[in-house]
Amino acid sequence: MNLDRYNYVAGNNYHNYTFYSEGPKGRIKKTVIYTRISDDPVAYNLAFGDEDDKTGFINDIITTDNKDRDIVLATVAATIIAFSERFGNHYIYATGNTLSRTRLYQMGIANFLKEIKNDFEVYGYNNGGWHEFATSANYEALLVKRK
């Protein structure tokens, strides 16, 4: 996929990535962090949001609305690719802090599902279980794994 995205910088341990959103609200620092949440199978949580320059904490509740949503999502997707290239084909778990935000992530996957499935297995969680991702379903959480 050749989508517009921001340049990002990987942290020393390659578990965190930072980039800047550019838009009408200014230049906003974004951070993606991968945290191991399971050993069997190996799985990582993807946390993402605006980073507070003073505290270093990530705010995943704020809606920045910098009019660059698709570029931001493409950048987060690029970090998934980079992370999985470095650490292997482990599961990466993601969910929004609201159902509507999870739905936004789901729509981003749905728009490029054919291309994504070339390199990743994609699952969604609903009705008490994990299922192969379908564009017609609504999910509470998402899971990807590099093939």
C-alpha atoms as a PDB file:
ATOM      1  CA  MET A   1       0.000   0.000   0.000  1.00  0.00           C
ATOM      2  CA  ASN A   2       1.365   3.347  -0.979  1.00  0.00           C
ATOM      3  CA  LEU A   3      -0.623   5.664   1.258  1.00  0.00           C
ATOM      4  CA  ASP A   4       0.360   9.117   2.382  1.00  0.00           C
ATOM      5  CA  ARG A   5       1.783   8.887   5.869  1.00  0.00           C
ATOM      6  CA  TYR A   6       3.950  10.859   8.232  1.00  0.00           C
ATOM      7  CA  ASN A   7       7.574  10.025   8.860  1.00  0.00           C
ATOM      8  CA  TYR A   8       7.964   8.390  12.239  1.00  0.00           C
ATOM      9  CA  VAL A   9      10.882   7.747  14.564  1.00  0.00           C
ATOM     10  CA  ALA A  10      11.299   4.464  16.417  1.00  0.00           C
ATOM     11  CA  GLY A  11      12.436   4.527  20.032  1.00  0.00           C
ATOM     12  CA  ASN A  12      15.601   2.729  21.145  1.00  0.00           C
ATOM     13  CA  ASN A  13      13.739  -0.486  21.937  1.00  0.00           C
ATOM     14  CA  TYR A  14      11.540  -0.333  18.803  1.00  0.00           C
ATOM     15  CA  HIS A  15       8.445  -0.673  20.990  1.00  0.00           C
ATOM     16  CA  ASN A  16       7.467   2.973  20.668  1.00  0.00           C
ATOM     17  CA  TYR A  17       7.155   5.232  17.639  1.00  0.00           C
ATOM     18  CA  THR A  18       6.538   8.962  17.423  1.00  0.00           C
ATOM     19  CA  PHE A  19       5.394  11.240  14.623  1.00  0.00           C
ATOM     20  CA  TYR A  20       3.741  14.618  14.209  1.00  0.00           C
ATOM     21  CA  SER A  21       0.274  15.313  12.874  1.00  0.00           C
ATOM     22  CA  GLU A  22       0.103  18.498  10.798  1.00  0.00           C
ATOM     23  CA  GLY A  23      -3.151  20.366  10.273  1.00  0.00           C
ATOM     24  CA  PRO A  24      -5.358  23.303  11.245  1.00  0.00           C
ATOM     25  CA  LYS A  25      -4.855  22.554  14.966  1.00  0.00           C
ATOM     26  CA  GLY A  26      -1.085  22.791  14.523  1.00  0.00           C
ATOM     27  CA  ARG A  27       1.715  20.280  14.914  1.00  0.00           C
ATOM     28  CA  ILE A  28       0.688  17.549  17.350  1.00  0.00           C
ATOM     29  CA  LYS A  29       2.977  14.828  18.645  1.00  0.00           C
ATOM     30  CA  LYS A  30       1.527  11.316  18.319  1.00  0.00           C
ATOM     31  CA  THR A  31       2.932   8.172  19.923  1.00  0.00           C
ATOM     32  CA  VAL A  32       2.354   4.484  19.265  1.00  0.00           C
ATOM     33  CA  ILE A  33       3.469   2.025  21.962  1.00  0.00           C
ATOM     34  CA  TYR A  34       3.572  -1.770  21.751  1.00  0.00           C
ATOM     35  CA  THR A  35       3.350  -3.551  25.116  1.00  0.00           C
ATOM     36  CA  ARG A  36       3.556  -7.311  25.531  1.00  0.00           C
ATOM     37  CA  ILE A  37       0.311  -8.596  27.060  1.00  0.00           C
ATOM     38  CA  SER A  38       0.593 -12.357  26.571  1.00  0.00           C
ATOM     39  CA  ASP A  39       3.299 -14.993  26.311  1.00  0.00           C
ATOM     40  CA  ASP A  40       1.273 -17.893  24.936  1.00  0.00           C
ATOM     41  CA  PRO A  41       0.528 -16.900  22.299  1.00  0.00           C
ATOM     42  CA  VAL A  42       2.802 -13.885  22.189  1.00  0.00           C
ATOM     43  CA  ALA A  43       0.634 -10.791  21.817  1.00  0.00           C
ATOM     44  CA  TYR A  44       1.192  -7.050  22.048  1.00  0.00           C
ATOM     45  CA  ASN A  45      -1.228  -4.253  22.814  1.00  0.00           C
ATOM     46  CA  LEU A  46      -1.098  -1.266  20.505  1.00  0.00           C
ATOM     47  CA  ALA A  47      -1.625   1.989  22.403  1.00  0.00           C
ATOM     48  CA  PHE A  48      -1.900   5.202  20.424  1.00  0.00           C
ATOM     49  CA  GLY A  49      -2.647   8.835  21.106  1.00  0.00           C
ATOM     50  CA  ASP A  50      -1.413  12.381  21.516  1.00  0.00           C
ATOM     51  CA  GLU A  51       1.677  12.681  23.680  1.00  0.00           C
ATOM     52  CA  ASP A  52       1.787  15.422  26.292  1.00  0.00           C
ATOM     53  CA  ASP A  53       5.188  17.121  25.948  1.00  0.00           C
ATOM     54  CA  LYS A  54       5.287  18.013  29.639  1.00  0.00           C
ATOM     55  CA  THR A  55       4.348  14.652  31.163  1.00  0.00           C
ATOM     56  CA  GLY A  56       5.222  12.229  28.360  1.00  0.00           C
ATOM     57  CA  PHE A  57       1.871  10.514  28.899  1.00  0.00           C
ATOM     58  CA  ILE A  58      -0.323   9.475  25.992  1.00  0.00           C
ATOM     59  CA  ASN A  59      -3.856  10.829  25.832  1.00  0.00           C
ATOM     60  CA  ASP A  60      -5.918   8.272  23.922  1.00  0.00           C
ATOM     61  CA  ILE A  61      -9.219   9.930  24.800  1.00  0.00           C
ATOM     62  CA  ILE A  62      -8.731  13.258  23.041  1.00  0.00           C
ATOM     63  CA  THR A  63     -10.121  13.829  19.553  1.00  0.00           C
ATOM     64  CA  THR A  64      -7.594  16.081  17.868  1.00  0.00           C
ATOM     65  CA  ASP A  65      -9.520  16.562  14.595  1.00  0.00           C
ATOM     66  CA  ASN A  66      -6.476  17.877  12.763  1.00  0.00           C
ATOM     67  CA  LYS A  67      -8.127  16.941   9.434  1.00  0.00           C
ATOM     68  CA  ASP A  68      -5.504  14.261   8.711  1.00  0.00           C
ATOM     69  CA  ARG A  69      -7.220  11.145  10.038  1.00  0.00           C
ATOM     70  CA  ASP A  70      -6.336   8.913   7.083  1.00  0.00           C
ATOM     71  CA  ILE A  71      -2.680   9.955   7.128  1.00  0.00           C
ATOM     72  CA  VAL A  72      -2.499   9.338  10.878  1.00  0.00           C
ATOM     73  CA  LEU A  73      -4.099   5.880  10.523  1.00  0.00           C
ATOM     74  CA  ALA A  74      -1.742   5.028   7.647  1.00  0.00           C
ATOM     75  CA  THR A  75       1.197   6.049   9.830  1.00  0.00           C
ATOM     76  CA  VAL A  76       0.012   3.839  12.690  1.00  0.00           C
ATOM     77  CA  ALA A  77      -0.358   0.993  10.173  1.00  0.00           C
ATOM     78  CA  ALA A  78       3.208   1.611   8.995  1.00  0.00           C
ATOM     79  CA  THR A  79       4.431   1.184  12.583  1.00  0.00           C
ATOM     80  CA  ILE A  80       2.608  -2.164  12.760  1.00  0.00           C
ATOM     81  CA  ILE A  81       4.509  -3.279   9.688  1.00  0.00           C
ATOM     82  CA  ALA A  82       7.824  -2.022  11.096  1.00  0.00           C
ATOM     83  CA  PHE A  83       7.191  -3.598  14.499  1.00  0.00           C
ATOM     84  CA  SER A  84       6.239  -6.974  13.051  1.00  0.00           C
ATOM     85  CA  GLU A  85       9.225  -6.948  10.692  1.00  0.00           C
ATOM     86  CA  ARG A  86      11.514  -6.473  13.672  1.00  0.00           C
ATOM     87  CA  PHE A  87       9.808  -8.755  16.231  1.00  0.00           C
ATOM     88  CA  GLY A  88       8.091 -11.402  14.129  1.00  0.00           C
ATOM     89  CA  ASN A  89       4.617 -12.635  13.468  1.00  0.00           C
ATOM     90  CA  HIS A  90       3.082 -12.080  16.883  1.00  0.00           C
ATOM     91  CA  TYR A  91      -0.456 -10.927  17.509  1.00  0.00           C
ATOM     92  CA  ILE A  92      -1.112  -7.207  17.804  1.00  0.00           C
ATOM     93  CA  TYR A  93      -4.267  -6.260  19.700  1.00  0.00           C
ATOM     94  CA  ALA A  94      -6.018  -2.926  19.274  1.00  0.00           C
ATOM     95  CA  THR A  95      -9.221  -1.377  20.451  1.00  0.00           C
ATOM     96  CA  GLY A  96     -10.436   2.177  20.719  1.00  0.00           C
ATOM     97  CA  ASN A  97     -11.411   3.716  24.019  1.00  0.00           C
ATOM     98  CA  THR A  98     -14.949   3.968  22.631  1.00  0.00           C
ATOM     99  CA  LEU A  99     -16.944   1.774  20.259  1.00  0.00           C
ATOM    100  CA  SER A 100     -17.015   4.590  17.713  1.00  0.00           C
ATOM    101  CA  ARG A 101     -13.216   4.848  17.762  1.00  0.00           C
ATOM    102  CA  THR A 102     -12.891   1.076  17.362  1.00  0.00           C
ATOM    103  CA  ARG A 103     -15.346   1.383  14.467  1.00  0.00           C
ATOM    104  CA  LEU A 104     -13.085   4.044  12.919  1.00  0.00           C
ATOM    105  CA  TYR A 105     -10.119   1.647  13.087  1.00  0.00           C
ATOM    106  CA  GLN A 106     -12.296  -1.104  11.664  1.00  0.00           C
ATOM    107  CA  MET A 107     -13.320   1.095   8.722  1.00  0.00           C
ATOM    108  CA  GLY A 108      -9.670   1.842   8.022  1.00  0.00           C
ATOM    109  CA  ILE A 109      -8.947  -1.890   7.863  1.00  0.00           C
ATOM    110  CA  ALA A 110     -12.036  -2.544   5.737  1.00  0.00           C
ATOM    111  CA  ASN A 111     -10.964   0.063   3.173  1.00  0.00           C
ATOM    112  CA  PHE A 112      -7.695  -1.767   2.539  1.00  0.00           C
ATOM    113  CA  LEU A 113      -8.572  -5.307   3.587  1.00  0.00           C
ATOM    114  CA  LYS A 114      -7.494  -6.929   0.324  1.00  0.00           C
ATOM    115  CA  GLU A 115      -4.021  -5.376   0.543  1.00  0.00           C
ATOM    116  CA  ILE A 116      -3.704  -5.983   4.287  1.00  0.00           C
ATOM    117  CA  LYS A 117      -4.574  -9.668   3.896  1.00  0.00           C
ATOM    118  CA  ASN A 118      -1.587 -10.115   1.584  1.00  0.00           C
ATOM    119  CA  ASP A 119       0.675  -9.842   4.628  1.00  0.00           C
ATOM    120  CA  PHE A 120      -1.535 -10.117   7.728  1.00  0.00           C
ATOM    121  CA  GLU A 121      -4.209 -12.286   9.239  1.00  0.00           C
ATOM    122  CA  VAL A 122      -6.975 -10.017  10.561  1.00  0.00           C
ATOM    123  CA  TYR A 123      -9.523 -10.850  13.262  1.00  0.00           C
ATOM    124  CA  GLY A 124     -12.312  -9.061  15.053  1.00  0.00           C
ATOM    125  CA  TYR A 125     -13.804  -9.748  18.472  1.00  0.00           C
ATOM    126  CA  ASN A 126     -17.583  -9.841  18.871  1.00  0.00           C
ATOM    127  CA  ASN A 127     -20.270 -12.116  20.286  1.00  0.00           C
ATOM    128  CA  GLY A 128     -17.789 -13.477  22.824  1.00  0.00           C
ATOM    129  CA  GLY A 129     -15.128 -14.673  20.399  1.00  0.00           C
ATOM    130  CA  TRP A 130     -12.517 -13.938  17.752  1.00  0.00           C
ATOM    131  CA  HIS A 131     -13.554 -14.265  14.101  1.00  0.00           C
ATOM    132  CA  GLU A 132     -11.879 -13.747  10.761  1.00  0.00           C
ATOM    133  CA  PHE A 133     -12.393 -10.079   9.913  1.00  0.00           C
ATOM    134  CA  ALA A 134     -15.480  -9.362   7.811  1.00  0.00           C
ATOM    135  CA  THR A 135     -16.402  -5.927   6.532  1.00  0.00           C
ATOM    136  CA  SER A 136     -20.072  -6.538   7.345  1.00  0.00           C
ATOM    137  CA  ALA A 137     -19.531  -7.062  11.099  1.00  0.00           C
ATOM    138  CA  ASN A 138     -18.970  -4.671  13.993  1.00  0.00           C
ATOM    139  CA  TYR A 139     -16.179  -5.508  16.406  1.00  0.00           C
ATOM    140  CA  GLU A 140     -15.240  -4.617  19.965  1.00  0.00           C
ATOM    141  CA  ALA A 141     -11.525  -5.231  19.364  1.00  0.00           C
ATOM    142  CA  LEU A 142      -9.158  -6.039  16.523  1.00  0.00           C
ATOM    143  CA  LEU A 143      -6.227  -8.407  16.174  1.00  0.00           C
ATOM    144  CA  VAL A 144      -3.634  -8.707  13.421  1.00  0.00           C
ATOM    145  CA  LYS A 145      -0.797 -11.134  12.892  1.00  0.00           C
ATOM    146  CA  ARG A 146       1.846 -11.019  10.197  1.00  0.00           C
ATOM    147  CA  LYS A 147       1.734 -14.114   7.973  1.00  0.00           C
END
